[in-house]
Protein backbone atom coordinates (compact mmCIF):
# COMPACT_ATOMS: atom_id res chain seq x y z
CA UNK A 1 -234.89 -54.49 -14.12
CA UNK A 2 -235.74 -50.91 -15.02
CA UNK A 3 -232.12 -50.28 -16.06
CA UNK A 4 -232.05 -53.36 -18.25
CA UNK A 5 -235.22 -52.18 -19.97
CA UNK A 6 -233.65 -48.76 -20.61
CA UNK A 7 -230.52 -50.44 -21.95
CA UNK A 8 -232.67 -52.64 -24.22
CA UNK A 9 -234.50 -49.59 -25.57
CA UNK A 10 -231.19 -47.86 -26.18
CA UNK A 11 -229.89 -50.82 -28.19
CA UNK A 12 -233.11 -50.98 -30.20
CA UNK A 13 -232.87 -47.28 -30.91
CA UNK A 14 -229.32 -47.69 -32.25
CA UNK A 15 -230.29 -50.67 -34.40
CA UNK A 16 -233.32 -48.90 -35.84
CA UNK A 17 -231.22 -45.93 -36.86
CA UNK A 18 -230.17 -46.93 -40.37
CA UNK A 19 -230.66 -43.50 -41.93
CA UNK A 20 -228.03 -40.80 -41.40
CA UNK A 21 -229.21 -37.71 -39.55
CA UNK A 22 -229.93 -34.74 -41.83
CA UNK A 23 -230.79 -32.26 -39.10
CA UNK A 24 -230.89 -32.30 -35.32
CA UNK A 25 -230.77 -29.85 -32.46
CA UNK A 26 -227.77 -29.76 -30.17
CA UNK A 27 -229.90 -31.34 -27.41
CA UNK A 28 -230.88 -34.22 -29.71
CA UNK A 29 -227.22 -34.74 -30.64
CA UNK A 30 -226.22 -34.76 -26.97
CA UNK A 31 -228.77 -37.49 -26.24
CA UNK A 32 -227.54 -39.60 -29.15
CA UNK A 33 -223.84 -39.26 -28.28
CA UNK A 34 -223.80 -39.11 -24.47
CA UNK A 35 -222.46 -42.29 -22.96
CA UNK A 36 -225.15 -43.88 -20.79
CA UNK A 37 -224.23 -44.69 -17.20
CA UNK A 38 -221.13 -42.49 -17.34
CA UNK A 39 -221.99 -40.72 -14.08
CA UNK A 40 -224.22 -43.38 -12.56
CA UNK A 41 -223.16 -45.11 -9.38
CA UNK A 42 -226.15 -47.30 -8.64
CA UNK A 43 -225.76 -50.95 -7.71
CA UNK A 44 -227.44 -52.12 -10.91
CA UNK A 45 -225.23 -50.15 -13.31
CA UNK A 46 -221.83 -50.04 -11.61
CA UNK A 47 -220.52 -53.03 -13.59
CA UNK A 48 -221.82 -51.92 -16.97
CA UNK A 49 -219.08 -50.87 -19.34
CA UNK A 50 -220.14 -47.81 -21.35
CA UNK A 51 -220.16 -48.65 -25.04
CA UNK A 52 -218.92 -46.20 -27.67
CA UNK A 53 -221.71 -44.25 -29.32
CA UNK A 54 -221.79 -43.27 -32.96
CA UNK A 55 -224.01 -41.24 -35.20
CA UNK A 56 -224.12 -41.03 -38.99
CA UNK A 57 -224.65 -37.50 -40.26
CA UNK A 58 -225.58 -36.25 -43.72
CA UNK A 59 -222.82 -33.74 -44.35
CA UNK A 60 -222.78 -32.52 -47.92
CA UNK A 61 -219.71 -31.47 -49.87
CA UNK A 62 -219.16 -29.91 -53.25
CA UNK A 63 -218.95 -32.53 -56.01
CA UNK A 64 -215.67 -34.45 -55.96
CA UNK A 65 -214.38 -32.13 -53.24
CA UNK A 66 -213.89 -31.72 -49.51
CA UNK A 67 -215.48 -28.25 -49.51
CA UNK A 68 -218.46 -28.20 -47.15
CA UNK A 69 -221.77 -27.10 -48.60
CA UNK A 70 -223.53 -24.26 -46.80
CA UNK A 71 -226.58 -26.42 -46.03
CA UNK A 72 -224.45 -28.74 -43.86
CA UNK A 73 -223.13 -26.02 -41.60
CA UNK A 74 -226.21 -25.70 -39.31
CA UNK A 75 -225.92 -29.41 -38.39
CA UNK A 76 -222.20 -29.02 -37.73
CA UNK A 77 -222.89 -25.89 -35.68
CA UNK A 78 -225.36 -27.86 -33.56
CA UNK A 79 -222.83 -30.69 -33.24
CA UNK A 80 -220.20 -28.21 -32.08
CA UNK A 81 -222.61 -26.81 -29.49
CA UNK A 82 -223.38 -30.36 -28.33
CA UNK A 83 -219.69 -31.21 -27.97
CA UNK A 84 -219.24 -28.14 -25.74
CA UNK A 85 -222.02 -29.31 -23.40
CA UNK A 86 -221.28 -30.55 -19.88
CA UNK A 87 -222.28 -34.10 -20.87
CA UNK A 88 -219.87 -34.30 -23.81
CA UNK A 89 -217.06 -31.83 -23.07
CA UNK A 90 -214.72 -34.46 -21.62
CA UNK A 91 -215.22 -36.98 -24.44
CA UNK A 92 -212.99 -37.45 -27.48
CA UNK A 93 -214.47 -38.23 -30.88
CA UNK A 94 -213.53 -39.90 -34.12
CA UNK A 95 -214.79 -38.20 -37.28
CA UNK A 96 -215.05 -40.75 -40.10
CA UNK A 97 -215.57 -39.84 -43.73
CA UNK A 98 -217.46 -42.41 -45.85
CA UNK A 99 -218.11 -42.56 -49.59
CA UNK A 100 -220.28 -44.60 -51.89
CA UNK A 101 -218.68 -47.29 -54.08
CA UNK A 102 -218.34 -45.18 -57.22
CA UNK A 103 -214.67 -44.75 -58.14
CA UNK A 104 -211.54 -46.56 -57.08
CA UNK A 105 -210.76 -47.67 -53.55
CA UNK A 106 -207.63 -45.50 -53.39
CA UNK A 107 -209.43 -42.39 -54.63
CA UNK A 108 -212.40 -42.82 -52.28
CA UNK A 109 -210.09 -43.47 -49.33
CA UNK A 110 -208.26 -40.20 -49.94
CA UNK A 111 -211.49 -38.23 -50.56
CA UNK A 112 -213.14 -39.57 -47.40
CA UNK A 113 -210.08 -38.59 -45.32
CA UNK A 114 -210.06 -35.08 -46.80
CA UNK A 115 -213.75 -34.74 -45.97
CA UNK A 116 -213.24 -35.93 -42.40
CA UNK A 117 -210.43 -33.37 -42.03
CA UNK A 118 -212.73 -30.66 -43.42
CA UNK A 119 -215.31 -31.46 -40.73
CA UNK A 120 -212.64 -31.44 -38.01
CA UNK A 121 -211.31 -28.11 -39.28
CA UNK A 122 -214.80 -26.59 -39.32
CA UNK A 123 -215.52 -27.81 -35.80
CA UNK A 124 -212.22 -26.45 -34.45
CA UNK A 125 -213.19 -23.08 -35.95
CA UNK A 126 -216.36 -23.38 -33.85
CA UNK A 127 -214.29 -23.74 -30.67
CA UNK A 128 -213.84 -27.52 -30.32
CA UNK A 129 -210.32 -28.44 -29.23
CA UNK A 130 -208.51 -30.25 -32.04
CA UNK A 131 -207.16 -32.76 -29.49
CA UNK A 132 -210.72 -34.05 -28.99
CA UNK A 133 -211.21 -34.90 -32.67
CA UNK A 134 -209.51 -37.54 -34.80
CA UNK A 135 -210.17 -37.66 -38.55
CA UNK A 136 -210.29 -41.00 -40.33
CA UNK A 137 -211.15 -41.88 -43.92
CA UNK A 138 -213.06 -45.09 -44.58
CA UNK A 139 -213.71 -44.76 -48.30
CA UNK A 140 -216.36 -47.32 -49.22
CA UNK A 141 -215.06 -49.99 -46.82
CA UNK A 142 -218.10 -49.68 -44.49
CA UNK A 143 -221.12 -48.98 -46.66
CA UNK A 144 -224.25 -48.10 -44.72
CA UNK A 145 -226.33 -49.83 -47.41
CA UNK A 146 -224.12 -52.57 -48.88
CA UNK A 147 -227.00 -53.82 -51.00
CA UNK A 148 -227.07 -50.35 -52.67
CA UNK A 149 -223.38 -49.44 -53.06
CA UNK A 150 -224.08 -46.20 -54.98
CA UNK A 151 -226.81 -44.91 -52.65
CA UNK A 152 -226.52 -41.39 -51.30
CA UNK A 153 -226.86 -42.71 -47.72
CA UNK A 154 -223.41 -44.28 -48.04
CA UNK A 155 -221.90 -40.78 -48.44
CA UNK A 156 -221.82 -39.62 -44.86
CA UNK A 157 -219.75 -38.57 -41.89
CA UNK A 158 -219.87 -40.67 -38.74
CA UNK A 159 -219.02 -39.22 -35.37
CA UNK A 160 -218.12 -41.74 -32.67
CA UNK A 161 -217.04 -41.52 -29.07
CA UNK A 162 -213.56 -42.92 -28.46
CA UNK A 163 -213.60 -43.13 -24.67
């Protein structure tokens, strides 16, 4: 029963998280991305299939560009530190670029992919193995706030576990 309650709280936490993360420590990022029950062998959790975890991050770029702004680097540095941790070092991640709905679908798709690649490149410079990261552009196909297609919150980078 205790494990079901923890699982319930975890699901609620994910649902309540509608706002992308602007800043977080490496420990906070580890907690948000670590797959629950990955190393648990209790009778109550042995049949639970770990679900992929994802986290929307506010990563800022120069206007109409894939050049990272300086103010986004501390969050990416903390993310790199988190990915090197014992709890995350064996996990692969997808790095998704997202845009708002301003501009054409084709243009935003290309821009979001370039931005995802920029994040992957930055993280590999911080010592993350490129084989652990897969860049993907989403354009405005998956708006965080579909009721506000031009909102800043739609412009984000999502990091998701793939294992």
